[in-house]
N, C-alpha and C. Protein backbone atom coordinates (compact mmCIF):
# COMPACT_ATOMS: atom_id res chain seq x y z
N UNK A 1 39.66 -5.64 38.70
CA UNK A 1 39.56 -7.04 39.25
C UNK A 1 40.53 -7.83 38.56
N UNK A 2 41.73 -8.31 38.85
CA UNK A 2 42.41 -9.39 38.41
C UNK A 2 41.75 -10.69 38.24
N UNK A 3 42.09 -11.53 37.30
CA UNK A 3 41.16 -12.73 37.48
C UNK A 3 41.94 -13.79 38.30
N UNK A 4 41.42 -14.25 38.95
CA UNK A 4 41.86 -15.40 40.11
C UNK A 4 42.29 -16.67 39.10
N UNK A 5 41.95 -17.08 37.98
CA UNK A 5 42.28 -17.82 37.24
C UNK A 5 43.42 -17.83 36.32
N UNK A 6 44.74 -18.45 36.52
CA UNK A 6 46.04 -17.92 35.50
C UNK A 6 45.84 -18.49 34.29
N UNK A 7 45.08 -19.54 33.88
CA UNK A 7 44.99 -20.55 33.01
C UNK A 7 44.15 -19.28 31.76
N UNK A 8 43.01 -18.70 32.23
CA UNK A 8 42.42 -17.95 31.54
C UNK A 8 42.94 -16.64 30.62
N UNK A 9 43.94 -16.30 32.12
CA UNK A 9 44.81 -15.22 31.73
C UNK A 9 45.80 -15.34 30.37
N UNK A 10 46.25 -16.67 30.34
CA UNK A 10 46.90 -17.05 29.34
C UNK A 10 46.26 -17.01 27.79
N UNK A 11 44.91 -17.65 28.25
CA UNK A 11 44.30 -17.69 26.77
C UNK A 11 43.94 -16.51 26.31
N UNK A 12 43.69 -15.43 27.20
CA UNK A 12 43.29 -14.08 26.57
C UNK A 12 44.61 -13.71 25.86
N UNK A 13 45.94 -13.85 26.64
CA UNK A 13 47.26 -13.35 26.11
C UNK A 13 47.21 -14.00 24.72
N UNK A 14 47.02 -15.24 24.85
CA UNK A 14 47.34 -15.88 23.16
C UNK A 14 46.70 -15.54 22.09
N UNK A 15 45.00 -15.25 22.75
CA UNK A 15 44.06 -14.45 21.82
C UNK A 15 44.66 -13.12 21.15
N UNK A 16 45.37 -12.35 22.29
CA UNK A 16 45.56 -10.94 21.87
C UNK A 16 46.72 -11.12 20.75
N UNK A 17 48.02 -11.81 21.31
CA UNK A 17 48.99 -12.05 20.43
C UNK A 17 48.51 -12.71 18.78
N UNK A 18 47.57 -13.68 19.04
CA UNK A 18 47.18 -13.70 17.39
C UNK A 18 46.33 -12.99 16.69
N UNK A 19 45.66 -11.87 17.62
CA UNK A 19 44.62 -11.25 16.91
C UNK A 19 45.31 -10.47 15.62
N UNK A 20 44.09 -10.09 14.45
CA UNK A 20 44.76 -9.35 13.55
C UNK A 20 44.87 -8.20 13.86
N UNK A 21 45.36 -7.36 13.35
CA UNK A 21 45.21 -5.61 13.40
C UNK A 21 43.64 -5.20 12.81
N UNK A 22 43.30 -4.84 13.91
CA UNK A 22 41.88 -3.94 13.57
C UNK A 22 41.77 -2.52 13.50
N UNK A 23 43.11 -2.18 13.72
CA UNK A 23 43.06 -0.34 13.69
C UNK A 23 42.46 0.20 12.64
N UNK A 24 42.77 -0.34 11.22
CA UNK A 24 42.14 0.39 10.31
C UNK A 24 40.59 0.41 10.08
N UNK A 25 40.14 -1.04 10.80
CA UNK A 25 38.62 -0.96 10.72
C UNK A 25 38.05 0.06 11.73
N UNK A 26 38.89 0.09 12.74
CA UNK A 26 37.95 0.83 13.90
C UNK A 26 38.23 2.42 13.49
N UNK A 27 38.87 2.69 12.72
CA UNK A 27 39.09 4.41 12.04
C UNK A 27 37.59 4.86 12.05
N UNK A 28 37.21 5.65 13.00
CA UNK A 28 35.81 6.43 12.58
C UNK A 28 34.89 5.31 12.11
N UNK A 29 34.75 4.34 13.16
CA UNK A 29 33.62 3.59 13.10
C UNK A 29 32.42 4.32 13.69
N UNK A 30 32.28 4.83 14.57
CA UNK A 30 31.11 5.52 15.32
C UNK A 30 30.63 6.50 14.09
N UNK A 31 31.24 6.95 13.50
CA UNK A 31 30.80 8.01 12.34
C UNK A 31 30.06 7.49 11.22
N UNK A 32 31.00 6.49 10.57
CA UNK A 32 30.42 5.36 9.51
C UNK A 32 29.29 4.97 10.06
N UNK A 33 29.29 4.42 11.12
CA UNK A 33 27.82 3.86 11.65
C UNK A 33 26.81 4.67 11.66
N UNK A 34 26.88 5.82 12.28
CA UNK A 34 25.93 6.95 12.46
C UNK A 34 25.56 7.21 11.20
N UNK A 35 26.13 7.58 10.12
CA UNK A 35 25.95 7.73 8.90
C UNK A 35 25.14 7.10 8.37
N UNK A 36 25.26 5.89 8.16
CA UNK A 36 24.71 4.58 7.77
C UNK A 36 23.50 4.78 8.33
N UNK A 37 23.25 4.74 9.58
CA UNK A 37 21.73 4.40 10.29
C UNK A 37 21.13 5.68 10.21
N UNK A 38 21.76 6.92 10.05
CA UNK A 38 20.99 7.90 9.42
C UNK A 38 20.47 8.28 8.18
N UNK A 39 21.27 7.63 7.29
CA UNK A 39 20.94 7.68 5.98
C UNK A 39 19.58 6.44 5.63
N UNK A 40 19.53 5.47 6.41
CA UNK A 40 18.52 4.34 6.36
C UNK A 40 17.57 4.98 6.81
N UNK A 41 17.38 5.33 7.75
CA UNK A 41 16.26 5.82 8.75
C UNK A 41 15.48 7.08 8.03
N UNK A 42 16.77 8.04 7.01
CA UNK A 42 15.88 9.10 6.73
C UNK A 42 14.91 8.82 5.42
N UNK A 43 15.39 7.89 4.65
CA UNK A 43 14.73 7.29 3.74
C UNK A 43 13.91 6.07 3.57
N UNK A 44 13.43 5.45 4.75
CA UNK A 44 13.10 4.53 4.88
C UNK A 44 11.34 4.69 4.92
N UNK A 45 10.91 5.88 5.28
CA UNK A 45 9.16 5.99 5.85
C UNK A 45 8.80 6.18 4.04
N UNK A 46 9.72 7.09 3.44
CA UNK A 46 9.39 7.68 1.81
C UNK A 46 9.42 6.35 0.79
N UNK A 47 10.64 5.71 1.39
CA UNK A 47 10.78 4.32 0.37
C UNK A 47 9.55 3.80 0.56
N UNK A 48 9.03 3.30 1.99
CA UNK A 48 7.95 2.56 2.08
C UNK A 48 6.69 2.58 1.18
N UNK A 49 6.50 4.28 1.37
CA UNK A 49 5.42 4.71 1.04
C UNK A 49 5.26 4.61 -0.69
N UNK A 50 6.29 5.05 -1.50
CA UNK A 50 6.46 5.06 -2.97
C UNK A 50 6.54 3.53 -3.02
N UNK A 51 6.60 2.58 -2.30
CA UNK A 51 6.52 0.94 -2.66
C UNK A 51 5.16 0.65 -2.39
N UNK A 52 4.48 1.16 -1.56
CA UNK A 52 3.03 0.95 -1.16
C UNK A 52 2.05 1.92 -2.16
N UNK A 53 2.28 2.57 -2.61
CA UNK A 53 1.41 3.48 -3.41
C UNK A 53 0.68 2.68 -4.59
N UNK A 54 1.47 1.87 -5.36
CA UNK A 54 0.67 1.01 -6.19
C UNK A 54 -0.56 0.31 -5.77
N UNK A 55 -0.22 -0.12 -4.49
CA UNK A 55 -0.97 -0.91 -3.87
C UNK A 55 -2.29 -0.36 -3.59
N UNK A 56 -2.05 0.86 -2.83
CA UNK A 56 -3.14 1.86 -2.39
C UNK A 56 -3.98 2.24 -3.54
N UNK A 57 -3.26 2.37 -4.70
CA UNK A 57 -4.04 2.80 -6.05
C UNK A 57 -5.01 2.04 -6.23
N UNK A 58 -4.60 0.87 -6.30
CA UNK A 58 -5.48 -0.47 -6.54
C UNK A 58 -6.34 -0.93 -6.00
N UNK A 59 -6.22 -0.40 -4.48
CA UNK A 59 -7.60 -0.59 -3.51
C UNK A 59 -8.13 0.46 -3.93
N UNK A 60 -7.85 1.30 -3.93
CA UNK A 60 -9.03 2.63 -4.36
C UNK A 60 -9.70 2.40 -5.43
N UNK A 61 -8.94 1.83 -6.42
CA UNK A 61 -9.75 1.68 -8.00
C UNK A 61 -10.63 0.94 -7.64
N UNK A 62 -10.32 -0.54 -6.71
CA UNK A 62 -11.41 -1.45 -6.84
C UNK A 62 -12.25 -1.38 -5.69
N UNK A 63 -12.19 -0.27 -4.68
CA UNK A 63 -13.44 0.02 -4.22
C UNK A 63 -14.23 1.07 -4.80
N UNK A 64 -13.95 1.49 -5.90
CA UNK A 64 -14.64 2.81 -6.82
C UNK A 64 -15.40 1.66 -7.95
N UNK A 65 -14.74 0.42 -8.14
CA UNK A 65 -15.42 -0.17 -9.23
C UNK A 65 -16.58 -0.99 -8.50
N UNK A 66 -16.09 -1.37 -7.08
CA UNK A 66 -17.27 -2.12 -6.19
C UNK A 66 -18.51 -1.23 -6.01
N UNK A 67 -18.06 0.00 -5.69
CA UNK A 67 -19.30 1.25 -5.22
C UNK A 67 -20.10 1.19 -6.67
N UNK A 68 -19.35 1.44 -7.51
CA UNK A 68 -20.13 1.47 -8.87
C UNK A 68 -21.29 0.66 -8.97
N UNK A 69 -20.59 -0.88 -9.25
CA UNK A 69 -21.58 -1.87 -9.42
C UNK A 69 -22.59 -1.86 -8.35
N UNK A 70 -22.16 -1.74 -6.95
CA UNK A 70 -23.16 -1.99 -6.15
C UNK A 70 -24.36 -0.78 -6.24
N UNK A 71 -24.01 0.51 -6.59
CA UNK A 71 -25.05 1.81 -7.03
C UNK A 71 -25.68 1.07 -8.21
N UNK A 72 -25.24 0.64 -9.29
CA UNK A 72 -25.93 -0.15 -10.38
C UNK A 72 -26.87 -1.10 -9.87
N UNK A 73 -26.40 -1.99 -8.97
CA UNK A 73 -27.47 -2.96 -8.71
C UNK A 73 -28.63 -2.25 -7.77
N UNK A 74 -28.52 -1.62 -7.05
CA UNK A 74 -29.35 -0.60 -6.09
C UNK A 74 -30.31 -0.01 -6.70
N UNK A 75 -29.90 0.58 -8.01
CA UNK A 75 -30.90 1.86 -8.59
C UNK A 75 -31.63 0.45 -9.23
N UNK A 76 -31.18 -0.71 -9.95
CA UNK A 76 -32.01 -1.69 -10.85
C UNK A 76 -32.92 -2.20 -9.98
N UNK A 77 -32.44 -2.49 -8.45
CA UNK A 77 -33.61 -3.16 -7.58
C UNK A 77 -34.44 -2.33 -7.54
N UNK A 78 -34.52 -1.02 -7.05
CA UNK A 78 -35.09 0.11 -6.68
C UNK A 78 -36.20 0.36 -8.00
N UNK A 79 -35.71 0.34 -9.10
CA UNK A 79 -36.34 0.81 -10.36
C UNK A 79 -37.50 -0.32 -10.50
N UNK A 80 -37.33 -1.81 -10.16
CA UNK A 80 -38.03 -2.91 -10.35
C UNK A 80 -39.14 -2.72 -9.11
N UNK A 81 -38.59 -2.44 -8.02
CA UNK A 81 -39.53 -2.50 -6.71
C UNK A 81 -40.31 -1.06 -7.24
N UNK A 82 -40.14 -0.09 -7.62
CA UNK A 82 -41.36 0.88 -7.88
C UNK A 82 -42.14 0.57 -8.98
N UNK A 83 -41.61 -0.09 -9.92
CA UNK A 83 -42.86 -0.69 -10.94
C UNK A 83 -43.57 -1.86 -10.57
N UNK A 84 -43.05 -2.51 -9.60
CA UNK A 84 -43.95 -3.68 -8.96
C UNK A 84 -44.81 -2.92 -7.89
N UNK A 85 -44.38 -1.82 -7.70
CA UNK A 85 -45.42 -1.34 -6.70
C UNK A 85 -46.78 -0.76 -7.20
N UNK A 86 -46.20 0.03 -8.64
CA UNK A 86 -47.08 0.98 -9.25
C UNK A 86 -48.12 -0.26 -10.09
N UNK A 87 -47.70 -1.11 -10.19
CA UNK A 87 -48.52 -2.23 -11.06
C UNK A 87 -49.35 -3.01 -9.85
N UNK A 88 -48.92 -3.63 -9.05
CA UNK A 88 -49.45 -4.38 -7.88
C UNK A 88 -48.94 -4.08 -6.37
N UNK A 89 -49.60 -2.68 -6.18
CA UNK A 89 -49.58 -2.73 -4.56
C UNK A 89 -49.99 -3.54 -3.77
N UNK A 90 -50.65 -4.30 -3.79
CA UNK A 90 -51.08 -5.33 -2.85
C UNK A 90 -50.19 -6.42 -2.78
N UNK A 91 -50.12 -6.78 -3.77
CA UNK A 91 -48.98 -8.33 -3.66
C UNK A 91 -47.63 -7.76 -2.98
N UNK A 92 -47.31 -6.42 -3.49
CA UNK A 92 -45.92 -6.01 -2.90
C UNK A 92 -45.97 -6.16 -1.31
N UNK A 93 -47.06 -5.38 -0.89
CA UNK A 93 -47.26 -5.22 0.56
C UNK A 93 -47.64 -6.26 1.01
N UNK A 94 -48.28 -7.39 0.57
CA UNK A 94 -48.53 -8.68 1.17
C UNK A 94 -47.14 -9.38 1.10
N UNK A 95 -46.29 -9.62 0.24
CA UNK A 95 -45.18 -10.05 0.02
C UNK A 95 -44.23 -9.38 1.30
N UNK A 96 -43.93 -8.36 1.39
CA UNK A 96 -43.19 -7.78 2.51
C UNK A 96 -43.75 -8.02 3.68
N UNK A 97 -44.92 -7.99 4.19
CA UNK A 97 -45.66 -8.53 5.44
C UNK A 97 -45.29 -9.77 5.51
N UNK A 98 -45.46 -10.91 4.67
CA UNK A 98 -45.26 -12.32 4.73
C UNK A 98 -43.95 -12.69 5.01
N UNK A 99 -42.82 -11.71 4.53
CA UNK A 99 -41.62 -11.90 4.61
C UNK A 99 -41.10 -11.75 6.50
N UNK A 100 -41.96 -10.84 6.93
CA UNK A 100 -41.52 -10.61 8.20
C UNK A 100 -41.83 -11.75 9.18
N UNK A 101 -42.64 -12.42 9.05
CA UNK A 101 -43.18 -13.59 10.28
C UNK A 101 -41.91 -14.54 10.21
């Protein structure tokens, strides 16, 4: 469909006349673009995995330390509670009952 405005047609002609030669850049553009996209897509998942591996390792170590500390605290508390129950069974039972009120 031809453009009804001759001024716009002259502008387009002037731009086409002054435009640089892009035939060299256009040569095999699709092939180069697809090759680059394929290369970026193929390594992106593995690259992210290797970059994030130290972070996840640190999280696992931190959870292990926290779990060990929690287990130690739990064992200490259980031992203290067992000793208190053996020595004063009435007091421990009374303190547990009073706490529930």
